[in-house]
Amino acid sequence: MRLREMEANIHATDAAFHQTVKHQPEDSQKPWMKKVILGGKLFALGVVTLVAVKIASVLAGFIIVAALGWMSYKLFFESKKTNL
């Protein structure tokens, strides 16, 4: 008897119709905001890169000056001690 009721419900013409609704995320209302954030990140990455290159060039300058100073010391002052 229950099977007949279920079969009658399956073939009923007034069956409930459920339609899915696509939920939009809140940030999809502002698509330009993603571009602004990406642009800000790229700008920050550029600034960090420029600062890193500047620091590296200053450190390289110190290393070169130190190396030249050490070589000058070895050539001009150290050799006088060994000749005496």
N, C-alpha and C. Protein backbone atom coordinates (compact mmCIF):
# COMPACT_ATOMS: atom_id res chain seq x y z
N MET A 1 0.82 -1.18 0.00
CA MET A 1 0.00 0.00 0.00
C MET A 1 0.87 1.26 0.00
N ARG A 2 1.93 1.24 0.80
CA ARG A 2 2.85 2.39 0.85
C ARG A 2 3.54 2.58 -0.49
N LEU A 3 3.87 1.49 -1.15
CA LEU A 3 4.51 1.59 -2.45
C LEU A 3 3.57 2.24 -3.47
N ARG A 4 2.31 1.92 -3.39
CA ARG A 4 1.35 2.54 -4.31
C ARG A 4 1.25 4.04 -4.06
N GLU A 5 1.29 4.45 -2.78
CA GLU A 5 1.26 5.88 -2.46
C GLU A 5 2.50 6.60 -3.00
N MET A 6 3.63 5.96 -2.84
CA MET A 6 4.86 6.56 -3.34
C MET A 6 4.84 6.67 -4.86
N GLU A 7 4.34 5.63 -5.52
CA GLU A 7 4.26 5.67 -6.98
C GLU A 7 3.28 6.74 -7.44
N ALA A 8 2.22 6.91 -6.72
CA ALA A 8 1.25 7.96 -7.06
C ALA A 8 1.88 9.34 -6.87
N ASN A 9 2.69 9.49 -5.85
CA ASN A 9 3.37 10.77 -5.63
C ASN A 9 4.41 11.06 -6.70
N ILE A 10 5.07 10.03 -7.16
CA ILE A 10 6.09 10.21 -8.20
C ILE A 10 5.46 10.71 -9.48
N HIS A 11 4.33 10.14 -9.86
CA HIS A 11 3.69 10.48 -11.12
C HIS A 11 2.66 11.61 -10.99
N ALA A 12 2.65 12.27 -9.86
CA ALA A 12 1.68 13.35 -9.67
C ALA A 12 2.05 14.54 -10.55
N THR A 13 1.07 15.28 -10.99
CA THR A 13 1.32 16.43 -11.86
C THR A 13 1.67 17.68 -11.05
N ASP A 14 1.33 17.71 -9.80
CA ASP A 14 1.63 18.88 -8.97
C ASP A 14 2.87 18.67 -8.10
N ALA A 15 3.86 18.00 -8.66
CA ALA A 15 5.09 17.74 -7.91
C ALA A 15 5.80 19.06 -7.63
N ALA A 16 6.42 19.12 -6.48
CA ALA A 16 7.13 20.34 -6.08
C ALA A 16 8.34 20.55 -6.99
N PHE A 17 8.54 21.77 -7.39
CA PHE A 17 9.64 22.12 -8.29
C PHE A 17 10.61 23.01 -7.54
N HIS A 18 11.82 22.53 -7.41
CA HIS A 18 12.85 23.28 -6.69
C HIS A 18 13.87 23.79 -7.69
N GLN A 19 14.11 25.07 -7.67
CA GLN A 19 15.09 25.66 -8.57
C GLN A 19 16.28 26.15 -7.74
N THR A 20 17.46 25.82 -8.24
CA THR A 20 18.66 26.25 -7.52
C THR A 20 18.91 27.73 -7.81
N VAL A 21 19.45 28.39 -6.81
CA VAL A 21 19.75 29.81 -6.93
C VAL A 21 21.26 29.97 -6.78
N LYS A 22 21.86 30.66 -7.75
CA LYS A 22 23.30 30.88 -7.69
C LYS A 22 23.57 32.04 -6.74
N HIS A 23 24.34 31.78 -5.71
CA HIS A 23 24.67 32.82 -4.74
C HIS A 23 25.91 33.56 -5.20
N GLN A 24 25.81 34.85 -5.28
CA GLN A 24 26.94 35.68 -5.68
C GLN A 24 27.74 36.07 -4.44
N PRO A 25 29.05 35.94 -4.51
CA PRO A 25 29.85 36.42 -3.38
C PRO A 25 29.75 37.95 -3.30
N GLU A 26 29.95 38.47 -2.12
CA GLU A 26 29.79 39.90 -1.89
C GLU A 26 30.79 40.74 -2.66
N ASP A 27 32.00 40.21 -2.88
CA ASP A 27 33.01 41.02 -3.55
C ASP A 27 32.82 41.06 -5.06
N SER A 28 31.88 40.29 -5.61
CA SER A 28 31.66 40.33 -7.05
C SER A 28 30.94 41.61 -7.46
N GLN A 29 30.42 42.35 -6.51
CA GLN A 29 29.76 43.60 -6.83
C GLN A 29 30.78 44.68 -7.19
N LYS A 30 32.01 44.51 -6.79
CA LYS A 30 33.06 45.49 -7.07
C LYS A 30 34.22 44.80 -7.79
N PRO A 31 34.10 44.52 -9.08
CA PRO A 31 35.19 43.83 -9.77
C PRO A 31 36.44 44.70 -9.90
N TRP A 32 36.28 46.02 -9.87
CA TRP A 32 37.44 46.90 -9.98
C TRP A 32 38.30 46.85 -8.73
N MET A 33 37.71 46.41 -7.61
CA MET A 33 38.47 46.36 -6.36
C MET A 33 39.60 45.34 -6.45
N LYS A 34 39.36 44.21 -7.13
CA LYS A 34 40.41 43.21 -7.29
C LYS A 34 41.58 43.78 -8.08
N LYS A 35 41.27 44.58 -9.10
CA LYS A 35 42.33 45.18 -9.91
C LYS A 35 43.12 46.20 -9.10
N VAL A 36 42.43 46.95 -8.25
CA VAL A 36 43.12 47.93 -7.41
C VAL A 36 44.05 47.22 -6.43
N ILE A 37 43.59 46.14 -5.84
CA ILE A 37 44.42 45.38 -4.89
C ILE A 37 45.62 44.77 -5.60
N LEU A 38 45.40 44.21 -6.79
CA LEU A 38 46.51 43.63 -7.55
C LEU A 38 47.52 44.70 -7.93
N GLY A 39 47.02 45.87 -8.35
CA GLY A 39 47.93 46.97 -8.69
C GLY A 39 48.73 47.42 -7.48
N GLY A 40 48.10 47.48 -6.32
CA GLY A 40 48.81 47.85 -5.10
C GLY A 40 49.88 46.84 -4.74
N LYS A 41 49.56 45.57 -4.90
CA LYS A 41 50.55 44.52 -4.61
C LYS A 41 51.74 44.61 -5.55
N LEU A 42 51.46 44.83 -6.84
CA LEU A 42 52.56 44.94 -7.81
C LEU A 42 53.42 46.18 -7.53
N PHE A 43 52.77 47.29 -7.16
CA PHE A 43 53.52 48.49 -6.81
C PHE A 43 54.40 48.25 -5.60
N ALA A 44 53.86 47.59 -4.57
CA ALA A 44 54.64 47.29 -3.37
C ALA A 44 55.81 46.37 -3.71
N LEU A 45 55.58 45.39 -4.58
CA LEU A 45 56.66 44.49 -4.99
C LEU A 45 57.75 45.26 -5.72
N GLY A 46 57.37 46.21 -6.56
CA GLY A 46 58.36 47.04 -7.25
C GLY A 46 59.16 47.88 -6.28
N VAL A 47 58.50 48.47 -5.30
CA VAL A 47 59.21 49.29 -4.30
C VAL A 47 60.17 48.43 -3.50
N VAL A 48 59.72 47.25 -3.08
CA VAL A 48 60.60 46.36 -2.31
C VAL A 48 61.80 45.94 -3.15
N THR A 49 61.58 45.68 -4.43
CA THR A 49 62.68 45.29 -5.32
C THR A 49 63.69 46.43 -5.46
N LEU A 50 63.19 47.65 -5.66
CA LEU A 50 64.11 48.78 -5.78
C LEU A 50 64.91 49.00 -4.50
N VAL A 51 64.27 48.87 -3.35
CA VAL A 51 64.98 49.03 -2.08
C VAL A 51 66.03 47.94 -1.91
N ALA A 52 65.69 46.70 -2.28
CA ALA A 52 66.65 45.60 -2.15
C ALA A 52 67.85 45.81 -3.07
N VAL A 53 67.61 46.29 -4.29
CA VAL A 53 68.72 46.55 -5.21
C VAL A 53 69.60 47.69 -4.68
N LYS A 54 68.98 48.71 -4.12
CA LYS A 54 69.75 49.84 -3.56
C LYS A 54 70.62 49.37 -2.39
N ILE A 55 70.05 48.58 -1.50
CA ILE A 55 70.82 48.05 -0.37
C ILE A 55 71.96 47.17 -0.85
N ALA A 56 71.67 46.33 -1.84
CA ALA A 56 72.71 45.44 -2.37
C ALA A 56 73.84 46.23 -3.02
N SER A 57 73.51 47.32 -3.72
CA SER A 57 74.56 48.12 -4.35
C SER A 57 75.41 48.82 -3.30
N VAL A 58 74.80 49.29 -2.23
CA VAL A 58 75.57 49.93 -1.16
C VAL A 58 76.50 48.91 -0.49
N LEU A 59 75.98 47.72 -0.22
CA LEU A 59 76.82 46.68 0.38
C LEU A 59 77.95 46.26 -0.55
N ALA A 60 77.66 46.17 -1.84
CA ALA A 60 78.71 45.83 -2.80
C ALA A 60 79.78 46.92 -2.83
N GLY A 61 79.36 48.18 -2.74
CA GLY A 61 80.33 49.28 -2.68
C GLY A 61 81.23 49.17 -1.47
N PHE A 62 80.65 48.85 -0.31
CA PHE A 62 81.46 48.67 0.90
C PHE A 62 82.45 47.52 0.74
N ILE A 63 82.01 46.44 0.15
CA ILE A 63 82.89 45.28 -0.04
C ILE A 63 84.03 45.63 -1.00
N ILE A 64 83.72 46.36 -2.07
CA ILE A 64 84.77 46.73 -3.03
C ILE A 64 85.77 47.67 -2.38
N VAL A 65 85.29 48.65 -1.62
CA VAL A 65 86.20 49.59 -0.95
C VAL A 65 87.06 48.85 0.07
N ALA A 66 86.46 47.93 0.80
CA ALA A 66 87.23 47.16 1.78
C ALA A 66 88.27 46.29 1.09
N ALA A 67 87.91 45.68 -0.03
CA ALA A 67 88.86 44.84 -0.75
C ALA A 67 90.00 45.68 -1.31
N LEU A 68 89.69 46.84 -1.88
CA LEU A 68 90.75 47.70 -2.40
C LEU A 68 91.65 48.21 -1.27
N GLY A 69 91.05 48.55 -0.16
CA GLY A 69 91.85 48.99 0.99
C GLY A 69 92.77 47.90 1.50
N TRP A 70 92.26 46.69 1.58
CA TRP A 70 93.08 45.57 2.06
C TRP A 70 94.21 45.29 1.08
N MET A 71 93.90 45.32 -0.24
CA MET A 71 94.95 45.07 -1.24
C MET A 71 96.00 46.19 -1.21
N SER A 72 95.56 47.42 -1.03
CA SER A 72 96.51 48.53 -0.94
C SER A 72 97.41 48.36 0.28
N TYR A 73 96.83 47.99 1.38
CA TYR A 73 97.61 47.76 2.59
C TYR A 73 98.64 46.66 2.37
N LYS A 74 98.19 45.55 1.76
CA LYS A 74 99.11 44.44 1.53
C LYS A 74 100.22 44.83 0.55
N LEU A 75 99.90 45.60 -0.46
CA LEU A 75 100.91 45.96 -1.46
C LEU A 75 101.90 46.98 -0.95
N PHE A 76 101.41 48.02 -0.28
CA PHE A 76 102.28 49.13 0.04
C PHE A 76 102.84 49.11 1.46
N PHE A 77 102.10 48.59 2.41
CA PHE A 77 102.57 48.65 3.79
C PHE A 77 103.11 47.32 4.30
N GLU A 78 102.54 46.25 3.86
CA GLU A 78 102.98 44.94 4.32
C GLU A 78 104.34 44.60 3.71
N SER A 79 104.59 45.01 2.48
CA SER A 79 105.84 44.67 1.83
C SER A 79 107.02 45.40 2.47
N LYS A 80 106.80 46.56 3.04
CA LYS A 80 107.89 47.29 3.69
C LYS A 80 108.34 46.58 4.95
N LYS A 81 107.43 45.91 5.64
CA LYS A 81 107.80 45.19 6.85
C LYS A 81 108.67 43.98 6.52
N THR A 82 108.39 43.32 5.41
CA THR A 82 109.16 42.11 5.08
C THR A 82 110.53 42.46 4.54
N ASN A 83 110.70 43.63 3.93
CA ASN A 83 112.00 44.00 3.36
C ASN A 83 112.98 44.46 4.43
N LEU A 84 112.51 44.88 5.58
CA LEU A 84 113.42 45.35 6.62
C LEU A 84 114.07 44.26 7.30
